[in-house]
Protein backbone atom coordinates (compact mmCIF):
# COMPACT_ATOMS: atom_id res chain seq x y z
CA MET A 1 -31.14 -3.77 -27.20
CA GLY A 2 -33.98 -3.24 -24.46
CA LEU A 3 -37.62 -3.33 -24.93
CA ASP A 4 -39.21 0.34 -26.25
CA ILE A 5 -42.13 0.93 -24.50
CA PRO A 6 -44.22 3.73 -25.75
CA CYS A 7 -45.57 5.90 -22.75
CA HIS A 8 -49.12 5.71 -23.92
CA TRP A 9 -49.23 1.98 -23.42
CA SER A 10 -51.14 0.98 -20.02
CA VAL A 11 -48.98 -2.20 -19.21
CA PRO A 12 -50.35 -4.19 -16.24
CA ALA A 13 -47.75 -5.10 -13.61
CA PRO A 14 -47.62 -8.89 -14.61
CA VAL A 15 -47.24 -8.01 -18.32
CA ARG A 16 -44.62 -5.55 -17.57
CA ARG A 17 -42.56 -8.26 -15.45
CA LEU A 18 -42.83 -10.56 -18.61
CA LEU A 19 -41.49 -7.80 -20.79
CA VAL A 20 -38.60 -7.24 -18.38
CA VAL A 21 -37.81 -11.04 -18.33
CA ALA A 22 -37.74 -11.09 -22.28
CA ALA A 23 -35.30 -8.13 -22.36
CA GLN A 24 -33.13 -9.95 -19.90
CA ARG A 25 -33.17 -13.09 -22.19
CA GLY A 26 -32.55 -11.16 -25.24
CA ASN A 27 -29.56 -9.24 -23.75
CA HIS A 28 -27.54 -12.12 -22.18
CA GLY A 29 -29.28 -11.91 -18.74
CA ARG A 30 -28.87 -8.25 -18.32
CA GLN A 31 -32.22 -6.11 -17.43
CA GLU A 32 -32.61 -3.25 -19.76
CA LEU A 33 -36.18 -1.99 -19.72
CA LEU A 34 -36.41 0.96 -22.19
CA ILE A 35 -39.30 3.40 -21.76
CA SER A 36 -40.00 6.05 -24.36
CA ARG A 37 -41.92 9.15 -23.77
CA HIS A 38 -42.77 11.91 -26.35
CA VAL A 39 -42.76 15.33 -24.62
CA ASP A 40 -42.26 18.90 -25.29
CA LEU A 41 -38.66 18.79 -24.20
CA SER A 42 -37.35 21.50 -21.99
CA ASP A 43 -34.63 21.96 -19.37
CA ASP A 44 -37.49 21.74 -16.60
CA VAL A 45 -38.73 18.51 -18.03
CA ILE A 46 -35.32 17.08 -17.93
CA GLU A 47 -34.56 18.20 -14.51
CA ARG A 48 -37.80 16.54 -13.22
CA SER A 49 -37.64 13.31 -15.14
CA ASP A 50 -37.54 10.03 -13.27
CA ILE A 51 -34.49 8.22 -12.77
CA PRO A 52 -34.88 4.53 -13.89
CA ALA A 53 -33.89 1.81 -11.41
CA ASN A 54 -32.55 -0.17 -14.65
CA GLY A 55 -32.28 0.11 -18.21
CA GLU A 56 -33.24 3.74 -19.41
CA ILE A 57 -35.86 6.29 -20.14
CA ARG A 58 -35.73 8.22 -23.48
CA LEU A 59 -37.56 11.62 -23.73
CA TRP A 60 -38.40 12.27 -27.27
CA ASP A 61 -38.55 16.07 -28.31
CA GLN A 62 -41.77 16.96 -30.11
CA GLN A 63 -40.23 20.03 -31.91
CA GLN A 64 -36.93 18.55 -33.37
CA LYS A 65 -37.10 15.43 -35.05
CA GLY A 66 -34.95 12.59 -33.79
CA LEU A 67 -33.77 14.59 -30.84
CA HIS A 68 -34.18 12.79 -27.37
CA VAL A 69 -32.59 12.76 -23.94
CA ARG A 70 -31.45 9.33 -22.61
CA VAL A 71 -31.78 8.89 -18.82
CA TRP A 72 -29.73 6.40 -17.06
CA PRO A 73 -29.86 4.80 -13.40
CA SER A 74 -26.62 6.67 -12.39
CA GLY A 75 -28.58 9.80 -13.15
CA ARG A 76 -26.70 10.85 -16.24
CA LYS A 77 -28.86 12.37 -18.94
CA SER A 78 -27.38 12.73 -22.50
CA PHE A 79 -28.77 14.28 -25.70
CA CYS A 80 -28.87 12.08 -28.54
CA VAL A 81 -30.37 12.36 -32.23
CA ARG A 82 -31.75 9.36 -34.11
CA TRP A 83 -30.95 9.19 -37.85
CA ARG A 84 -31.26 6.75 -40.90
CA SER A 85 -28.46 5.48 -42.91
CA GLY A 86 -29.87 3.35 -45.67
CA GLN A 87 -31.84 0.71 -43.95
CA LYS A 88 -30.19 1.20 -40.61
CA THR A 89 -31.31 3.24 -37.57
CA LEU A 90 -28.34 4.96 -35.69
CA LEU A 91 -27.84 7.05 -32.62
CA HIS A 92 -25.47 9.89 -32.47
CA THR A 93 -24.73 11.23 -28.88
CA ILE A 94 -24.59 15.22 -28.72
CA GLY A 95 -23.39 15.47 -25.16
CA ILE A 96 -24.30 15.41 -21.40
CA TYR A 97 -27.01 17.51 -20.37
CA ARG A 98 -25.92 20.67 -18.40
CA SER A 99 -22.09 19.67 -19.39
CA PRO A 100 -22.60 22.10 -21.27
CA TRP A 101 -25.65 21.11 -23.37
CA ASN A 102 -29.28 22.44 -22.76
CA THR A 103 -32.22 21.91 -24.62
CA ALA A 104 -31.94 24.93 -26.92
CA THR A 105 -28.21 24.30 -27.89
CA ALA A 106 -29.11 20.72 -28.47
CA ARG A 107 -32.03 21.16 -30.88
CA ILE A 108 -29.56 23.45 -32.75
CA LYS A 109 -26.87 20.54 -32.85
CA ALA A 110 -29.56 17.95 -33.79
CA ALA A 111 -30.57 20.04 -36.72
CA GLU A 112 -27.18 20.69 -37.99
CA PHE A 113 -26.35 16.89 -37.68
CA LEU A 114 -29.33 15.71 -39.60
CA ALA A 115 -28.90 18.42 -42.20
CA SER A 116 -25.33 17.03 -42.71
CA ASN A 117 -25.48 13.32 -41.79
CA GLY A 118 -24.41 12.50 -45.44
CA THR A 119 -21.05 13.37 -44.76
CA LEU A 120 -20.70 11.79 -41.39
CA PRO A 121 -19.90 8.26 -40.88
CA GLY A 122 -23.00 5.94 -40.87
CA ARG A 123 -21.51 3.49 -38.49
CA THR A 124 -22.41 2.24 -34.88
CA ILE A 125 -19.89 2.56 -32.08
CA ALA A 126 -18.84 -1.16 -32.61
CA SER A 127 -17.86 -0.67 -36.17
CA LYS A 128 -16.25 2.77 -36.01
CA THR A 129 -12.67 2.75 -37.45
CA HIS A 130 -9.74 3.92 -35.21
CA GLU A 131 -9.73 7.13 -37.00
CA ASP A 132 -13.42 8.32 -36.42
CA LEU A 133 -13.59 6.80 -33.00
CA THR A 134 -14.25 9.72 -30.46
CA VAL A 135 -13.36 9.66 -26.57
CA ASP A 136 -17.22 9.88 -26.28
CA SER A 137 -17.65 6.72 -28.19
CA LEU A 138 -14.79 4.94 -26.63
CA ILE A 139 -16.44 5.57 -23.11
CA GLU A 140 -19.78 4.16 -24.43
CA LYS A 141 -17.84 1.06 -25.69
CA TYR A 142 -15.84 0.71 -22.51
CA LEU A 143 -18.77 0.78 -20.29
CA ILE A 144 -20.58 -1.79 -22.21
CA GLU A 145 -17.98 -3.97 -23.22
CA GLY A 146 -15.49 -3.61 -20.32
CA PRO A 147 -17.66 -5.46 -17.57
CA LEU A 148 -17.87 -8.48 -19.77
CA MET A 149 -14.34 -8.70 -20.04
CA LYS A 150 -13.19 -7.53 -16.61
CA MET A 151 -15.57 -9.95 -14.69
CA GLY A 152 -13.61 -9.71 -11.45
CA LYS A 153 -14.42 -6.06 -11.05
CA ARG A 154 -17.33 -5.06 -8.78
CA ALA A 155 -20.32 -3.27 -10.28
CA SER A 156 -20.13 -0.49 -7.85
CA SER A 157 -16.68 0.11 -9.00
CA TRP A 158 -17.91 0.28 -12.63
CA LYS A 159 -20.53 2.84 -11.35
CA ILE A 160 -17.76 4.99 -10.13
CA ASP A 161 -15.96 4.70 -13.18
CA ALA A 162 -18.95 5.72 -15.29
CA MET A 163 -19.35 8.87 -12.96
CA ASN A 164 -15.80 9.96 -13.46
CA LEU A 165 -16.02 9.42 -17.22
CA ASN A 166 -19.17 10.90 -17.77
CA ARG A 167 -19.04 14.06 -15.27
CA HIS A 168 -15.23 14.99 -15.99
CA VAL A 169 -13.81 13.28 -19.22
CA ARG A 170 -16.83 13.72 -21.68
CA PRO A 171 -17.47 17.37 -20.98
CA LEU A 172 -13.78 18.27 -21.56
CA VAL A 173 -12.42 15.83 -24.16
CA GLY A 174 -15.11 13.85 -25.09
CA HIS A 175 -15.40 15.33 -28.80
CA LEU A 176 -11.74 14.55 -29.59
CA PRO A 177 -10.69 11.40 -31.69
CA VAL A 178 -9.15 8.78 -29.60
CA ILE A 179 -6.25 8.33 -31.93
CA GLY A 180 -5.34 11.86 -31.89
CA LEU A 181 -5.47 12.45 -28.05
CA LYS A 182 -2.50 13.78 -26.94
CA LYS A 183 -0.78 13.99 -23.44
CA SER A 184 -1.37 17.87 -23.56
CA ASP A 185 -5.21 17.37 -23.90
CA VAL A 186 -5.21 15.08 -20.98
CA ALA A 187 -3.04 17.49 -18.84
CA GLY A 188 -5.29 20.27 -19.88
CA MET A 189 -8.36 18.12 -18.75
CA LEU A 190 -6.82 17.54 -15.45
CA ARG A 191 -6.09 21.25 -14.81
CA ASP A 192 -9.80 22.11 -15.60
CA VAL A 193 -11.18 19.39 -13.23
CA ILE A 194 -8.78 20.66 -10.22
CA GLY A 195 -10.02 24.20 -11.26
CA GLY A 196 -13.55 23.42 -11.07
CA LYS A 197 -14.71 23.65 -14.63
CA THR A 198 -16.81 20.42 -14.54
CA ALA A 199 -18.51 21.66 -11.45
CA VAL A 200 -22.25 20.81 -11.96
CA ASP A 201 -25.34 19.66 -9.75
CA VAL A 202 -26.73 16.43 -10.99
CA ARG A 203 -30.24 15.30 -10.12
CA THR A 204 -30.23 11.74 -9.08
CA GLY A 205 -34.04 11.37 -8.51
CA TRP A 206 -37.00 13.46 -7.83
CA ARG A 207 -35.33 14.69 -4.63
CA GLY A 208 -31.78 13.29 -5.19
CA LEU A 209 -28.93 15.81 -6.05
CA ALA A 210 -25.39 15.04 -6.56
CA ARG A 211 -23.03 18.25 -6.21
CA VAL A 212 -20.02 17.70 -8.49
CA ARG A 213 -17.12 20.00 -7.51
CA GLY A 214 -14.00 18.59 -9.14
CA GLY A 215 -10.80 19.43 -7.31
CA ARG A 216 -7.47 17.27 -6.69
CA GLY A 217 -9.14 14.34 -5.49
CA SER A 218 -11.61 14.03 -8.40
CA ALA A 219 -8.70 14.75 -10.94
CA GLU A 220 -6.74 11.87 -9.46
CA ARG A 221 -9.64 9.55 -9.61
CA THR A 222 -10.54 10.54 -12.92
CA LEU A 223 -7.24 10.09 -14.24
CA THR A 224 -6.84 6.62 -12.87
CA THR A 225 -9.93 5.56 -14.74
CA LEU A 226 -8.85 7.25 -17.98
CA LYS A 227 -5.68 5.44 -17.78
CA ALA A 228 -7.59 2.01 -17.25
CA MET A 229 -9.76 2.86 -20.19
CA LEU A 230 -7.17 3.82 -22.56
CA ASN A 231 -5.02 0.67 -21.52
CA TRP A 232 -8.17 -1.52 -22.41
CA ALA A 233 -8.57 0.40 -25.70
CA ILE A 234 -4.88 -0.90 -26.30
CA THR A 235 -5.74 -4.38 -25.70
CA GLN A 236 -8.66 -4.06 -28.24
CA GLU A 237 -6.20 -2.57 -30.70
CA LEU A 238 -8.18 0.94 -30.88
CA LEU A 239 -5.07 2.63 -29.80
CA SER A 240 -1.24 1.99 -29.95
CA ALA A 241 -0.09 4.06 -26.84
CA ASN A 242 -1.53 5.54 -23.82
CA PRO A 243 -1.09 9.34 -23.84
CA ALA A 244 -2.09 9.47 -20.08
CA LYS A 245 0.62 6.94 -19.00
CA ASP A 246 3.22 9.28 -17.57
CA LEU A 247 0.85 11.96 -16.08
CA SER A 248 0.03 12.25 -12.35
CA VAL A 249 -1.95 14.66 -10.11
CA PRO A 250 -0.18 16.06 -6.96
CA LYS A 251 -1.81 14.31 -3.93
CA ALA A 252 -4.43 16.35 -2.22
CA GLN A 253 -3.89 16.99 1.57
CA ALA A 254 -4.79 13.87 3.39
CA LYS A 255 -7.55 14.34 5.77
CA GLU A 256 -6.26 13.40 9.05
CA ARG A 257 -8.99 12.71 11.53
CA PHE A 258 -9.90 10.47 14.23
CA LEU A 259 -11.80 10.50 17.40
CA SER A 260 -10.20 11.14 20.80
CA ASP A 261 -11.32 9.41 23.83
CA THR A 262 -13.42 12.36 25.11
CA GLU A 263 -14.86 12.88 21.57
CA THR A 264 -15.93 9.00 21.66
CA ALA A 265 -17.72 9.61 24.99
CA ARG A 266 -19.49 12.46 23.69
CA LEU A 267 -20.58 10.64 20.58
CA PHE A 268 -22.03 7.59 22.39
CA THR A 269 -23.73 10.03 24.87
CA ILE A 270 -25.53 12.00 22.01
CA LEU A 271 -26.54 8.62 20.33
CA LYS A 272 -28.11 7.43 23.54
CA THR A 273 -29.95 10.51 24.21
CA GLY A 274 -31.12 10.88 20.74
CA GLU A 275 -32.32 7.35 20.35
CA GLY A 276 -34.08 7.63 23.73
CA ASN A 277 -35.98 10.68 22.87
CA GLY A 278 -36.77 9.85 19.40
CA GLY A 279 -34.51 12.41 18.03
CA ILE A 280 -32.15 9.73 16.26
CA ASN A 281 -33.61 6.76 14.26
CA LYS A 282 -32.52 3.53 16.26
CA TRP A 283 -31.00 1.86 13.00
CA HIS A 284 -28.96 5.09 12.21
CA ALA A 285 -27.64 5.12 15.77
CA SER A 286 -26.93 1.36 15.52
CA LEU A 287 -25.09 1.79 11.99
CA ILE A 288 -22.98 4.74 13.59
CA ARG A 289 -21.82 2.51 16.60
CA LEU A 290 -21.16 -0.44 14.38
CA LEU A 291 -18.95 1.57 12.16
CA LEU A 292 -16.77 2.61 14.95
CA LEU A 293 -16.74 -0.73 16.87
CA THR A 294 -15.86 -2.91 13.63
CA GLY A 295 -13.78 -0.57 11.46
CA ALA A 296 -15.93 -1.76 8.75
CA ARG A 297 -16.57 0.28 5.52
CA LYS A 298 -20.20 1.93 5.29
CA SER A 299 -21.21 0.04 2.20
CA GLU A 300 -20.22 -3.13 3.82
CA LEU A 301 -22.52 -2.79 6.95
CA MET A 302 -25.36 -0.62 5.07
CA ALA A 303 -26.01 -3.31 2.62
CA MET A 304 -25.55 -6.15 5.21
CA ARG A 305 -28.04 -9.05 5.17
CA TRP A 306 -28.97 -11.10 8.32
CA GLU A 307 -27.71 -14.31 6.65
CA GLU A 308 -24.10 -12.79 6.59
CA VAL A 309 -24.31 -12.25 10.53
CA ASP A 310 -22.85 -15.20 12.54
CA LEU A 311 -23.35 -14.28 16.16
CA THR A 312 -22.25 -17.73 17.23
CA ARG A 313 -18.73 -17.31 15.53
CA SER A 314 -18.76 -13.46 16.21
CA ARG A 315 -18.23 -12.28 12.97
CA ILE A 316 -19.79 -10.88 9.65
CA LEU A 317 -18.99 -12.94 6.36
CA VAL A 318 -19.15 -10.25 3.54
CA PRO A 319 -19.45 -11.76 0.11
CA ALA A 320 -16.37 -10.77 -2.25
CA ASP A 321 -18.61 -9.02 -4.55
CA ARG A 322 -19.56 -6.67 -1.95
CA THR A 323 -16.24 -5.63 -0.54
CA LYS A 324 -13.50 -3.53 -1.93
CA SER A 325 -10.71 -6.07 -1.67
CA GLY A 326 -12.71 -9.20 -2.47
CA ARG A 327 -10.95 -9.44 -5.86
CA HIS A 328 -7.84 -10.00 -4.04
CA ASN A 329 -9.04 -11.57 -0.57
CA GLY A 330 -12.20 -13.20 -1.35
CA ALA A 331 -15.11 -13.18 1.19
CA ARG A 332 -14.15 -10.53 4.20
CA ARG A 333 -14.62 -11.58 7.68
CA ILE A 334 -15.30 -8.79 10.06
CA PRO A 335 -14.92 -9.73 13.88
CA LEU A 336 -17.62 -8.80 16.38
CA SER A 337 -16.74 -7.72 19.85
CA GLY A 338 -19.16 -8.11 22.62
CA ALA A 339 -20.33 -4.78 22.37
CA ALA A 340 -20.86 -5.00 18.50
CA LYS A 341 -22.87 -8.23 19.04
CA ALA A 342 -25.01 -6.56 21.73
CA ILE A 343 -25.97 -3.84 19.15
CA LEU A 344 -26.86 -6.53 16.72
CA ASP A 345 -29.04 -8.55 19.27
CA THR A 346 -31.20 -5.29 19.63
CA LEU A 347 -31.78 -5.29 15.74
CA ASN A 348 -34.03 -8.60 15.62
CA PRO A 349 -31.44 -11.16 14.41
CA ILE A 350 -34.03 -13.69 13.84
CA ALA A 351 -35.31 -11.72 10.74
CA ALA A 352 -34.37 -12.15 7.22
CA GLY A 353 -33.30 -9.47 4.67
CA PHE A 354 -31.40 -6.57 5.33
CA VAL A 355 -29.99 -5.66 8.87
CA PHE A 356 -30.46 -1.92 8.00
CA PRO A 357 -33.63 -1.95 5.70
CA SER A 358 -35.04 1.23 4.15
CA ALA A 359 -37.74 2.85 5.87
CA LYS A 360 -39.76 3.38 2.49
CA SER A 361 -38.95 -0.11 1.13
CA PRO A 362 -38.23 -3.04 3.34
CA ASP A 363 -37.03 -5.07 0.58
CA LYS A 364 -33.97 -2.25 -0.09
CA HIS A 365 -31.41 -1.40 2.41
CA MET A 366 -30.85 2.04 4.16
CA THR A 367 -28.92 4.76 1.96
CA GLY A 368 -29.27 8.08 3.66
CA ILE A 369 -27.73 8.74 6.85
CA GLN A 370 -25.69 11.83 6.04
CA LYS A 371 -28.47 14.17 7.61
CA THR A 372 -28.56 12.15 10.75
CA TRP A 373 -24.59 12.23 11.07
CA LYS A 374 -24.34 15.72 10.31
CA ARG A 375 -26.66 16.69 13.14
CA VAL A 376 -24.96 14.02 15.53
CA CYS A 377 -21.33 15.83 14.63
CA GLN A 378 -23.03 19.08 15.44
CA GLU A 379 -24.43 18.04 18.91
CA ALA A 380 -21.29 16.13 19.85
CA GLN A 381 -19.15 19.00 18.55
CA LEU A 382 -17.19 16.78 16.07
CA GLY A 383 -16.61 19.60 13.51
CA ASN A 384 -16.80 18.30 9.87
CA MET A 385 -15.81 14.71 10.55
CA ARG A 386 -16.86 12.22 8.06
CA LEU A 387 -18.49 8.89 8.63
CA HIS A 388 -15.42 7.21 7.01
CA ASP A 389 -13.45 8.81 9.75
CA LEU A 390 -14.89 6.30 12.11
CA ARG A 391 -12.92 3.55 10.47
CA HIS A 392 -9.81 5.64 10.74
CA SER A 393 -10.78 5.91 14.46
CA PHE A 394 -11.02 2.01 14.89
CA ALA A 395 -7.64 1.75 13.43
CA SER A 396 -5.91 4.62 15.49
CA PHE A 397 -7.52 2.98 18.64
CA ALA A 398 -5.96 -0.32 17.62
CA ILE A 399 -2.52 1.22 17.02
CA ALA A 400 -2.80 3.12 20.22
CA ASN A 401 -3.72 -0.26 21.95
CA GLY A 402 -0.37 -1.64 20.61
CA GLU A 403 -1.97 -4.06 18.18
CA ASN A 404 0.04 -5.79 15.66
CA ILE A 405 -0.20 -3.93 12.38
CA VAL A 406 -0.68 -7.20 10.15
CA VAL A 407 -3.69 -8.15 12.34
CA ILE A 408 -5.20 -4.76 12.11
CA ALA A 409 -4.74 -5.01 8.23
CA ASP A 410 -6.61 -8.31 8.21
CA VAL A 411 -9.53 -6.93 10.56
CA LEU A 412 -9.70 -3.87 8.02
CA GLY A 413 -9.89 -5.94 5.11
CA HIS A 414 -6.69 -4.38 3.58
CA ALA A 415 -5.17 -6.46 0.61
CA SER A 416 -1.75 -5.38 2.13
CA THR A 417 -0.24 -3.86 4.97
CA ARG A 418 0.85 -0.99 3.03
CA MET A 419 -2.62 0.40 3.25
CA THR A 420 -2.62 0.02 6.92
CA GLU A 421 0.59 1.70 7.38
CA ARG A 422 -0.78 5.07 6.61
CA TYR A 423 -2.62 5.01 9.72
CA LEU A 424 0.36 4.73 11.91
CA HIS A 425 0.65 8.59 11.91
CA LEU A 426 -2.89 9.03 13.29
CA ARG A 427 -1.78 8.22 16.96
CA ASP A 428 1.55 9.49 18.62
CA ASP A 429 0.80 7.75 21.70
CA HIS A 430 3.59 5.13 21.03
CA LEU A 431 5.82 7.73 19.71
CA ASN A 432 5.20 10.01 22.94
CA ALA A 433 5.78 6.81 25.12
CA LEU A 434 9.20 6.10 23.39
CA SER A 435 10.22 9.65 23.70
CA GLU A 436 9.40 9.68 27.29
CA ARG A 437 11.18 6.57 28.26
CA THR A 438 14.32 7.63 26.24
CA GLY A 439 14.35 10.82 27.90
CA GLN A 440 14.23 9.34 31.40
CA ARG A 441 16.85 7.10 30.58
CA ILE A 442 19.06 9.98 29.34
CA LEU A 443 18.16 12.03 32.36
CA ALA A 444 19.08 8.99 34.83
CA GLY A 445 22.43 8.76 33.09
CA ALA A 446 23.00 12.58 33.73
CA LEU A 447 22.12 12.63 37.32
CA ASP A 448 24.35 9.59 37.90
């Protein structure tokens, strides 16, 4: 349980830090600062609410007793109602803001719930029986208890799981009882996600906006997350069988995009020109170059610290908890070519902290580069190429150069060569060369 700090308190910074520490100690080391504000709740107030860096913010409605909105660091905002059962104070989740609840409908639902709470189970999520546990409640339980049991799973992966469950599963099947969840319910949910029924714009901060659009890719990721959660429920004896076990989503068409030699030349020219005239941020330009020259993932370089860079050994050593395959491969070694080292040399390698610091907060790493990348793509005539396609391009150039696929997999940080083999189709150079040699051999025999 976090610390509930009323908004009318004027809490000095040193005292607030002590309160945070107290919350950490009382919650097994997890920081959960809870800030409460009593407001005239409206959709506009919810849209403009701050997003906490940690813990949560609760916006209490002054019109409907017990109704409030819980705002999480992920940007999720949920309508809840507080009620009493005997000596216990309990929370009941109504649903996610805009999926499909708004302030008016949440007030009606809260009033109905409070009027009939004598007939509803007065139990917390942890004590609910199998019969009354809903998918909504299971999601809450999974996201709280799951990380404690799956300690090898990265925090960033849990954040993605939470987004999949909260933005797609909750709005469609969250109200259903877990024990009664059928295969047809999950199949219907997947059809709705593919069809864009869960599409919504979610504010992630004062200026941040996440555009949830659904589609096959979202449905596939959501199904994977749902299966994992239901399997976990089976291990907790909350469920006897996984209704999503045999379901699958037809694969979305793969986005096959990589740079050609000509495009690469244009890209480097645009970066050099833009950096020279001040049109492109120096760190943005350097990050784009390094992504192509190393084949690293954006998250691996963007959050890179100088202590992870070893120019003497020509490598970056990414901790296991910061790389996708760290659970299987441990710390990831990203080799640095001479060109990559030269770029890092220009970024003050004797400094401490992040290699790519945030312009607003040097103690944080850079997060926004999409606008720069979009402008670069337009000027370099690269179309709708993604930043992640620079990683594909590195792999395609390595394959075209005749490099061993096992070594390429190691450089890319893949857990196995199966992941790397999908890049084989990106370049047809070796196939064309084989066809040319074979054709010449055939013609040579015919002419003889």
